[in-house]
Amino acid sequence: MAAGKGQDITIPYRKTGRGITIEVRVEPRSSKKGIVGALGSMLKVKLTAPPVEGAANEQLVEVIAEALGVRKSDVRVIRGQSSRNKVVEVLGLRSL
């Protein structure tokens, strides 16, 4: 998977019955949005949106969907809605 200026990132993920889950660490109110890289067993993602009224979660779904080439409706935050550490589920994928 590419992230930023020609970087290739290995995204840590887990297979589920419905797709995959990815543990994510978000940095809201950043100057840029996008996937930064792996942070241990988590994926670090910078977001320009503030963590207010779900705006950061919505932007996270957009960033993940765009990076993986899936529909936004196939990506959802399943844990950590009000935390910087989240778990995102991507339906229909078996591997990255």
Protein backbone atom coordinates (compact mmCIF):
# COMPACT_ATOMS: atom_id res chain seq x y z
CA MET A 1 0.00 0.00 0.00
CA ALA A 2 1.30 3.44 -0.84
CA ALA A 3 1.24 6.33 1.59
CA GLY A 4 2.45 9.78 0.83
CA LYS A 5 5.50 10.48 -1.30
CA GLY A 6 6.07 7.07 -2.87
CA GLN A 7 6.26 5.19 0.43
CA ASP A 8 5.04 1.62 0.68
CA ILE A 9 3.50 0.70 4.01
CA THR A 10 2.68 -2.69 5.40
CA ILE A 11 -0.60 -2.31 7.23
CA PRO A 12 -1.11 -4.60 10.22
CA TYR A 13 -4.59 -6.15 10.04
CA ARG A 14 -6.67 -9.09 11.27
CA LYS A 15 -9.00 -11.26 9.22
CA THR A 16 -12.60 -11.56 10.36
CA GLY A 17 -15.60 -13.44 9.02
CA ARG A 18 -16.80 -10.29 7.22
CA GLY A 19 -13.49 -8.78 6.07
CA ILE A 20 -10.58 -7.29 8.00
CA THR A 21 -10.03 -5.06 11.00
CA ILE A 22 -7.28 -2.48 11.36
CA GLU A 23 -6.17 -0.86 14.61
CA VAL A 24 -5.66 2.85 13.98
CA ARG A 25 -4.10 5.74 15.90
CA VAL A 26 -5.47 9.07 14.63
CA GLU A 27 -4.00 12.54 14.90
CA PRO A 28 -6.89 15.00 14.43
CA ARG A 29 -6.44 18.67 13.52
CA SER A 30 -3.27 17.93 11.57
CA SER A 31 -2.10 20.19 8.76
CA LYS A 32 -2.41 17.29 6.27
CA LYS A 33 -4.54 14.18 6.00
CA GLY A 34 -3.36 10.73 5.07
CA ILE A 35 -1.77 7.51 6.21
CA VAL A 36 1.57 8.11 7.90
CA GLY A 37 2.70 4.53 8.46
CA ALA A 38 2.73 1.67 10.91
CA LEU A 39 3.12 2.47 14.59
CA GLY A 40 3.81 -0.91 16.19
CA SER A 41 0.70 -2.99 15.53
CA MET A 42 -1.33 0.10 14.62
CA LEU A 43 -1.73 2.26 11.55
CA LYS A 44 -1.10 5.97 12.13
CA VAL A 45 -3.41 8.32 10.23
CA LYS A 46 -3.34 12.13 10.23
CA LEU A 47 -6.65 13.95 9.83
CA THR A 48 -7.38 17.63 9.23
CA ALA A 49 -10.84 17.33 10.80
CA PRO A 50 -11.39 18.14 14.48
CA PRO A 51 -12.59 15.41 16.85
CA VAL A 52 -16.00 17.08 17.14
CA GLU A 53 -19.41 15.58 16.30
CA GLY A 54 -17.88 12.63 14.45
CA ALA A 55 -16.02 14.75 11.87
CA ALA A 56 -12.69 12.99 12.48
CA ASN A 57 -14.32 9.54 12.26
CA GLU A 58 -15.98 10.48 8.97
CA GLN A 59 -12.69 11.69 7.52
CA LEU A 60 -10.92 8.54 8.77
CA VAL A 61 -13.46 6.40 6.89
CA GLU A 62 -12.80 8.46 3.73
CA VAL A 63 -9.00 8.15 4.04
CA ILE A 64 -9.10 4.38 4.64
CA ALA A 65 -11.63 3.77 1.83
CA GLU A 66 -9.59 5.80 -0.65
CA ALA A 67 -6.32 4.12 0.32
CA LEU A 68 -7.77 0.61 0.02
CA GLY A 69 -9.89 1.30 -3.06
CA VAL A 70 -13.19 0.36 -1.44
CA ARG A 71 -16.50 2.18 -0.96
CA LYS A 72 -16.90 4.36 2.12
CA SER A 73 -19.96 2.28 3.02
CA ASP A 74 -17.66 -0.75 3.41
CA VAL A 75 -15.55 0.99 6.08
CA ARG A 76 -16.71 1.71 9.62
CA VAL A 77 -15.27 2.54 13.01
CA ILE A 78 -16.30 -0.33 15.28
CA ARG A 79 -14.42 0.67 18.44
CA GLY A 80 -13.00 3.89 19.84
CA GLN A 81 -15.46 6.42 18.40
CA SER A 82 -14.33 9.05 20.93
CA SER A 83 -10.70 7.93 21.29
CA ARG A 84 -7.52 8.45 19.29
CA ASN A 85 -7.09 4.65 19.23
CA LYS A 86 -9.73 3.05 17.03
CA VAL A 87 -10.57 -0.22 15.35
CA VAL A 88 -11.80 0.06 11.77
CA GLU A 89 -13.61 -2.74 9.95
CA VAL A 90 -13.34 -3.07 6.16
CA LEU A 91 -16.00 -5.35 4.74
CA GLY A 92 -15.29 -7.69 1.86
CA LEU A 93 -11.48 -7.64 1.99
CA ARG A 94 -9.55 -10.80 2.83
CA SER A 95 -6.04 -9.39 2.63
CA LEU A 96 -4.12 -6.25 1.73
